[in-house]
Amino acid sequence: MKHFIQRDKMSKRQRKKLDAEKRTLWKVNPITKVVQSKKIYDRKKQPRNYEPYDFQGCFYLPQAM
């Protein structure tokens, strides 16, 4: 049977282990839910009106008369 030891009297290593066990009770990691600021420049983000292919001159389709 384990004896109850107050947290104040535990060694630093035991307190660290106890705290780590308590932190694993989260269902969702709250750190991943941080929303990135809109003011920060993001090189990877494409502009709103970006079109990857410009079709005005890529193809010549003659129309039958």
C-alpha atoms as a PDB file:
ATOM      1  CA  MET A   1       0.000   0.000   0.000  1.00  0.00           C
ATOM      2  CA  LYS A   2       1.317   3.434  -0.919  1.00  0.00           C
ATOM      3  CA  HIS A   3       1.561   6.007   1.805  1.00  0.00           C
ATOM      4  CA  PHE A   4       0.252   9.494   1.212  1.00  0.00           C
ATOM      5  CA  ILE A   5       3.062  12.053   1.122  1.00  0.00           C
ATOM      6  CA  GLN A   6       2.314  15.745   1.074  1.00  0.00           C
ATOM      7  CA  ARG A   7       3.464  17.574  -2.029  1.00  0.00           C
ATOM      8  CA  ASP A   8       5.558  19.961   0.071  1.00  0.00           C
ATOM      9  CA  LYS A   9       7.572  17.057   1.458  1.00  0.00           C
ATOM     10  CA  MET A  10       8.097  15.285  -1.870  1.00  0.00           C
ATOM     11  CA  SER A  11      11.404  15.427  -3.637  1.00  0.00           C
ATOM     12  CA  LYS A  12      11.733  17.639  -6.693  1.00  0.00           C
ATOM     13  CA  ARG A  13      11.820  14.620  -9.002  1.00  0.00           C
ATOM     14  CA  GLN A  14       8.627  13.163  -7.502  1.00  0.00           C
ATOM     15  CA  ARG A  15       6.802  16.506  -7.772  1.00  0.00           C
ATOM     16  CA  LYS A  16       7.866  16.804 -11.405  1.00  0.00           C
ATOM     17  CA  LYS A  17       6.553  13.296 -12.139  1.00  0.00           C
ATOM     18  CA  LEU A  18       3.254  14.026 -10.362  1.00  0.00           C
ATOM     19  CA  ASP A  19       2.769  17.294 -12.273  1.00  0.00           C
ATOM     20  CA  ALA A  20       3.493  15.570 -15.589  1.00  0.00           C
ATOM     21  CA  GLU A  21       0.798  12.971 -14.853  1.00  0.00           C
ATOM     22  CA  LYS A  22      -1.738  15.693 -14.103  1.00  0.00           C
ATOM     23  CA  ARG A  23      -0.970  17.566 -17.327  1.00  0.00           C
ATOM     24  CA  THR A  24      -1.738  14.529 -19.495  1.00  0.00           C
ATOM     25  CA  LEU A  25      -5.442  14.719 -18.611  1.00  0.00           C
ATOM     26  CA  TRP A  26      -6.157  17.253 -21.378  1.00  0.00           C
ATOM     27  CA  LYS A  27      -8.379  15.939 -24.182  1.00  0.00           C
ATOM     28  CA  VAL A  28      -7.185  18.653 -26.597  1.00  0.00           C
ATOM     29  CA  ASN A  29      -3.812  20.347 -26.597  1.00  0.00           C
ATOM     30  CA  PRO A  30      -4.599  24.033 -25.930  1.00  0.00           C
ATOM     31  CA  ILE A  31      -1.346  25.206 -27.487  1.00  0.00           C
ATOM     32  CA  THR A  32      -2.436  24.109 -30.976  1.00  0.00           C
ATOM     33  CA  LYS A  33      -5.551  26.292 -30.802  1.00  0.00           C
ATOM     34  CA  VAL A  34      -3.675  29.600 -31.004  1.00  0.00           C
ATOM     35  CA  VAL A  35      -4.865  31.748 -33.920  1.00  0.00           C
ATOM     36  CA  GLN A  36      -2.115  33.400 -35.916  1.00  0.00           C
ATOM     37  CA  SER A  37      -2.319  37.173 -36.196  1.00  0.00           C
ATOM     38  CA  LYS A  38      -3.548  38.564 -39.536  1.00  0.00           C
ATOM     39  CA  LYS A  39      -0.967  41.352 -39.352  1.00  0.00           C
ATOM     40  CA  ILE A  40       1.996  38.981 -39.683  1.00  0.00           C
ATOM     41  CA  TYR A  41       3.359  38.643 -43.229  1.00  0.00           C
ATOM     42  CA  ASP A  42       3.127  35.076 -44.518  1.00  0.00           C
ATOM     43  CA  ARG A  43       5.181  34.357 -47.618  1.00  0.00           C
ATOM     44  CA  LYS A  44       3.413  31.030 -48.254  1.00  0.00           C
ATOM     45  CA  LYS A  45      -0.094  32.522 -48.298  1.00  0.00           C
ATOM     46  CA  GLN A  46      -1.366  33.238 -51.795  1.00  0.00           C
ATOM     47  CA  PRO A  47      -2.983  36.590 -52.603  1.00  0.00           C
ATOM     48  CA  ARG A  48      -6.773  36.710 -52.853  1.00  0.00           C
ATOM     49  CA  ASN A  49      -7.012  37.300 -56.595  1.00  0.00           C
ATOM     50  CA  TYR A  50      -4.172  34.965 -57.605  1.00  0.00           C
ATOM     51  CA  GLU A  51      -4.812  32.785 -60.655  1.00  0.00           C
ATOM     52  CA  PRO A  52      -2.105  30.192 -61.271  1.00  0.00           C
ATOM     53  CA  TYR A  53      -2.733  29.997 -65.037  1.00  0.00           C
ATOM     54  CA  ASP A  54      -3.450  32.916 -67.323  1.00  0.00           C
ATOM     55  CA  PHE A  55      -5.603  31.569 -70.152  1.00  0.00           C
ATOM     56  CA  GLN A  56      -5.542  34.767 -72.223  1.00  0.00           C
ATOM     57  CA  GLY A  57      -3.076  33.702 -74.858  1.00  0.00           C
ATOM     58  CA  CYS A  58      -2.056  30.224 -73.887  1.00  0.00           C
ATOM     59  CA  PHE A  59      -4.197  28.602 -76.571  1.00  0.00           C
ATOM     60  CA  TYR A  60      -5.246  29.609 -80.047  1.00  0.00           C
ATOM     61  CA  LEU A  61      -8.579  28.117 -81.046  1.00  0.00           C
ATOM     62  CA  PRO A  62      -9.656  29.177 -84.557  1.00  0.00           C
ATOM     63  CA  GLN A  63     -13.398  29.495 -84.917  1.00  0.00           C
ATOM     64  CA  ALA A  64     -15.121  27.950 -87.899  1.00  0.00           C
ATOM     65  CA  MET A  65     -16.967  30.408 -90.115  1.00  0.00           C
END
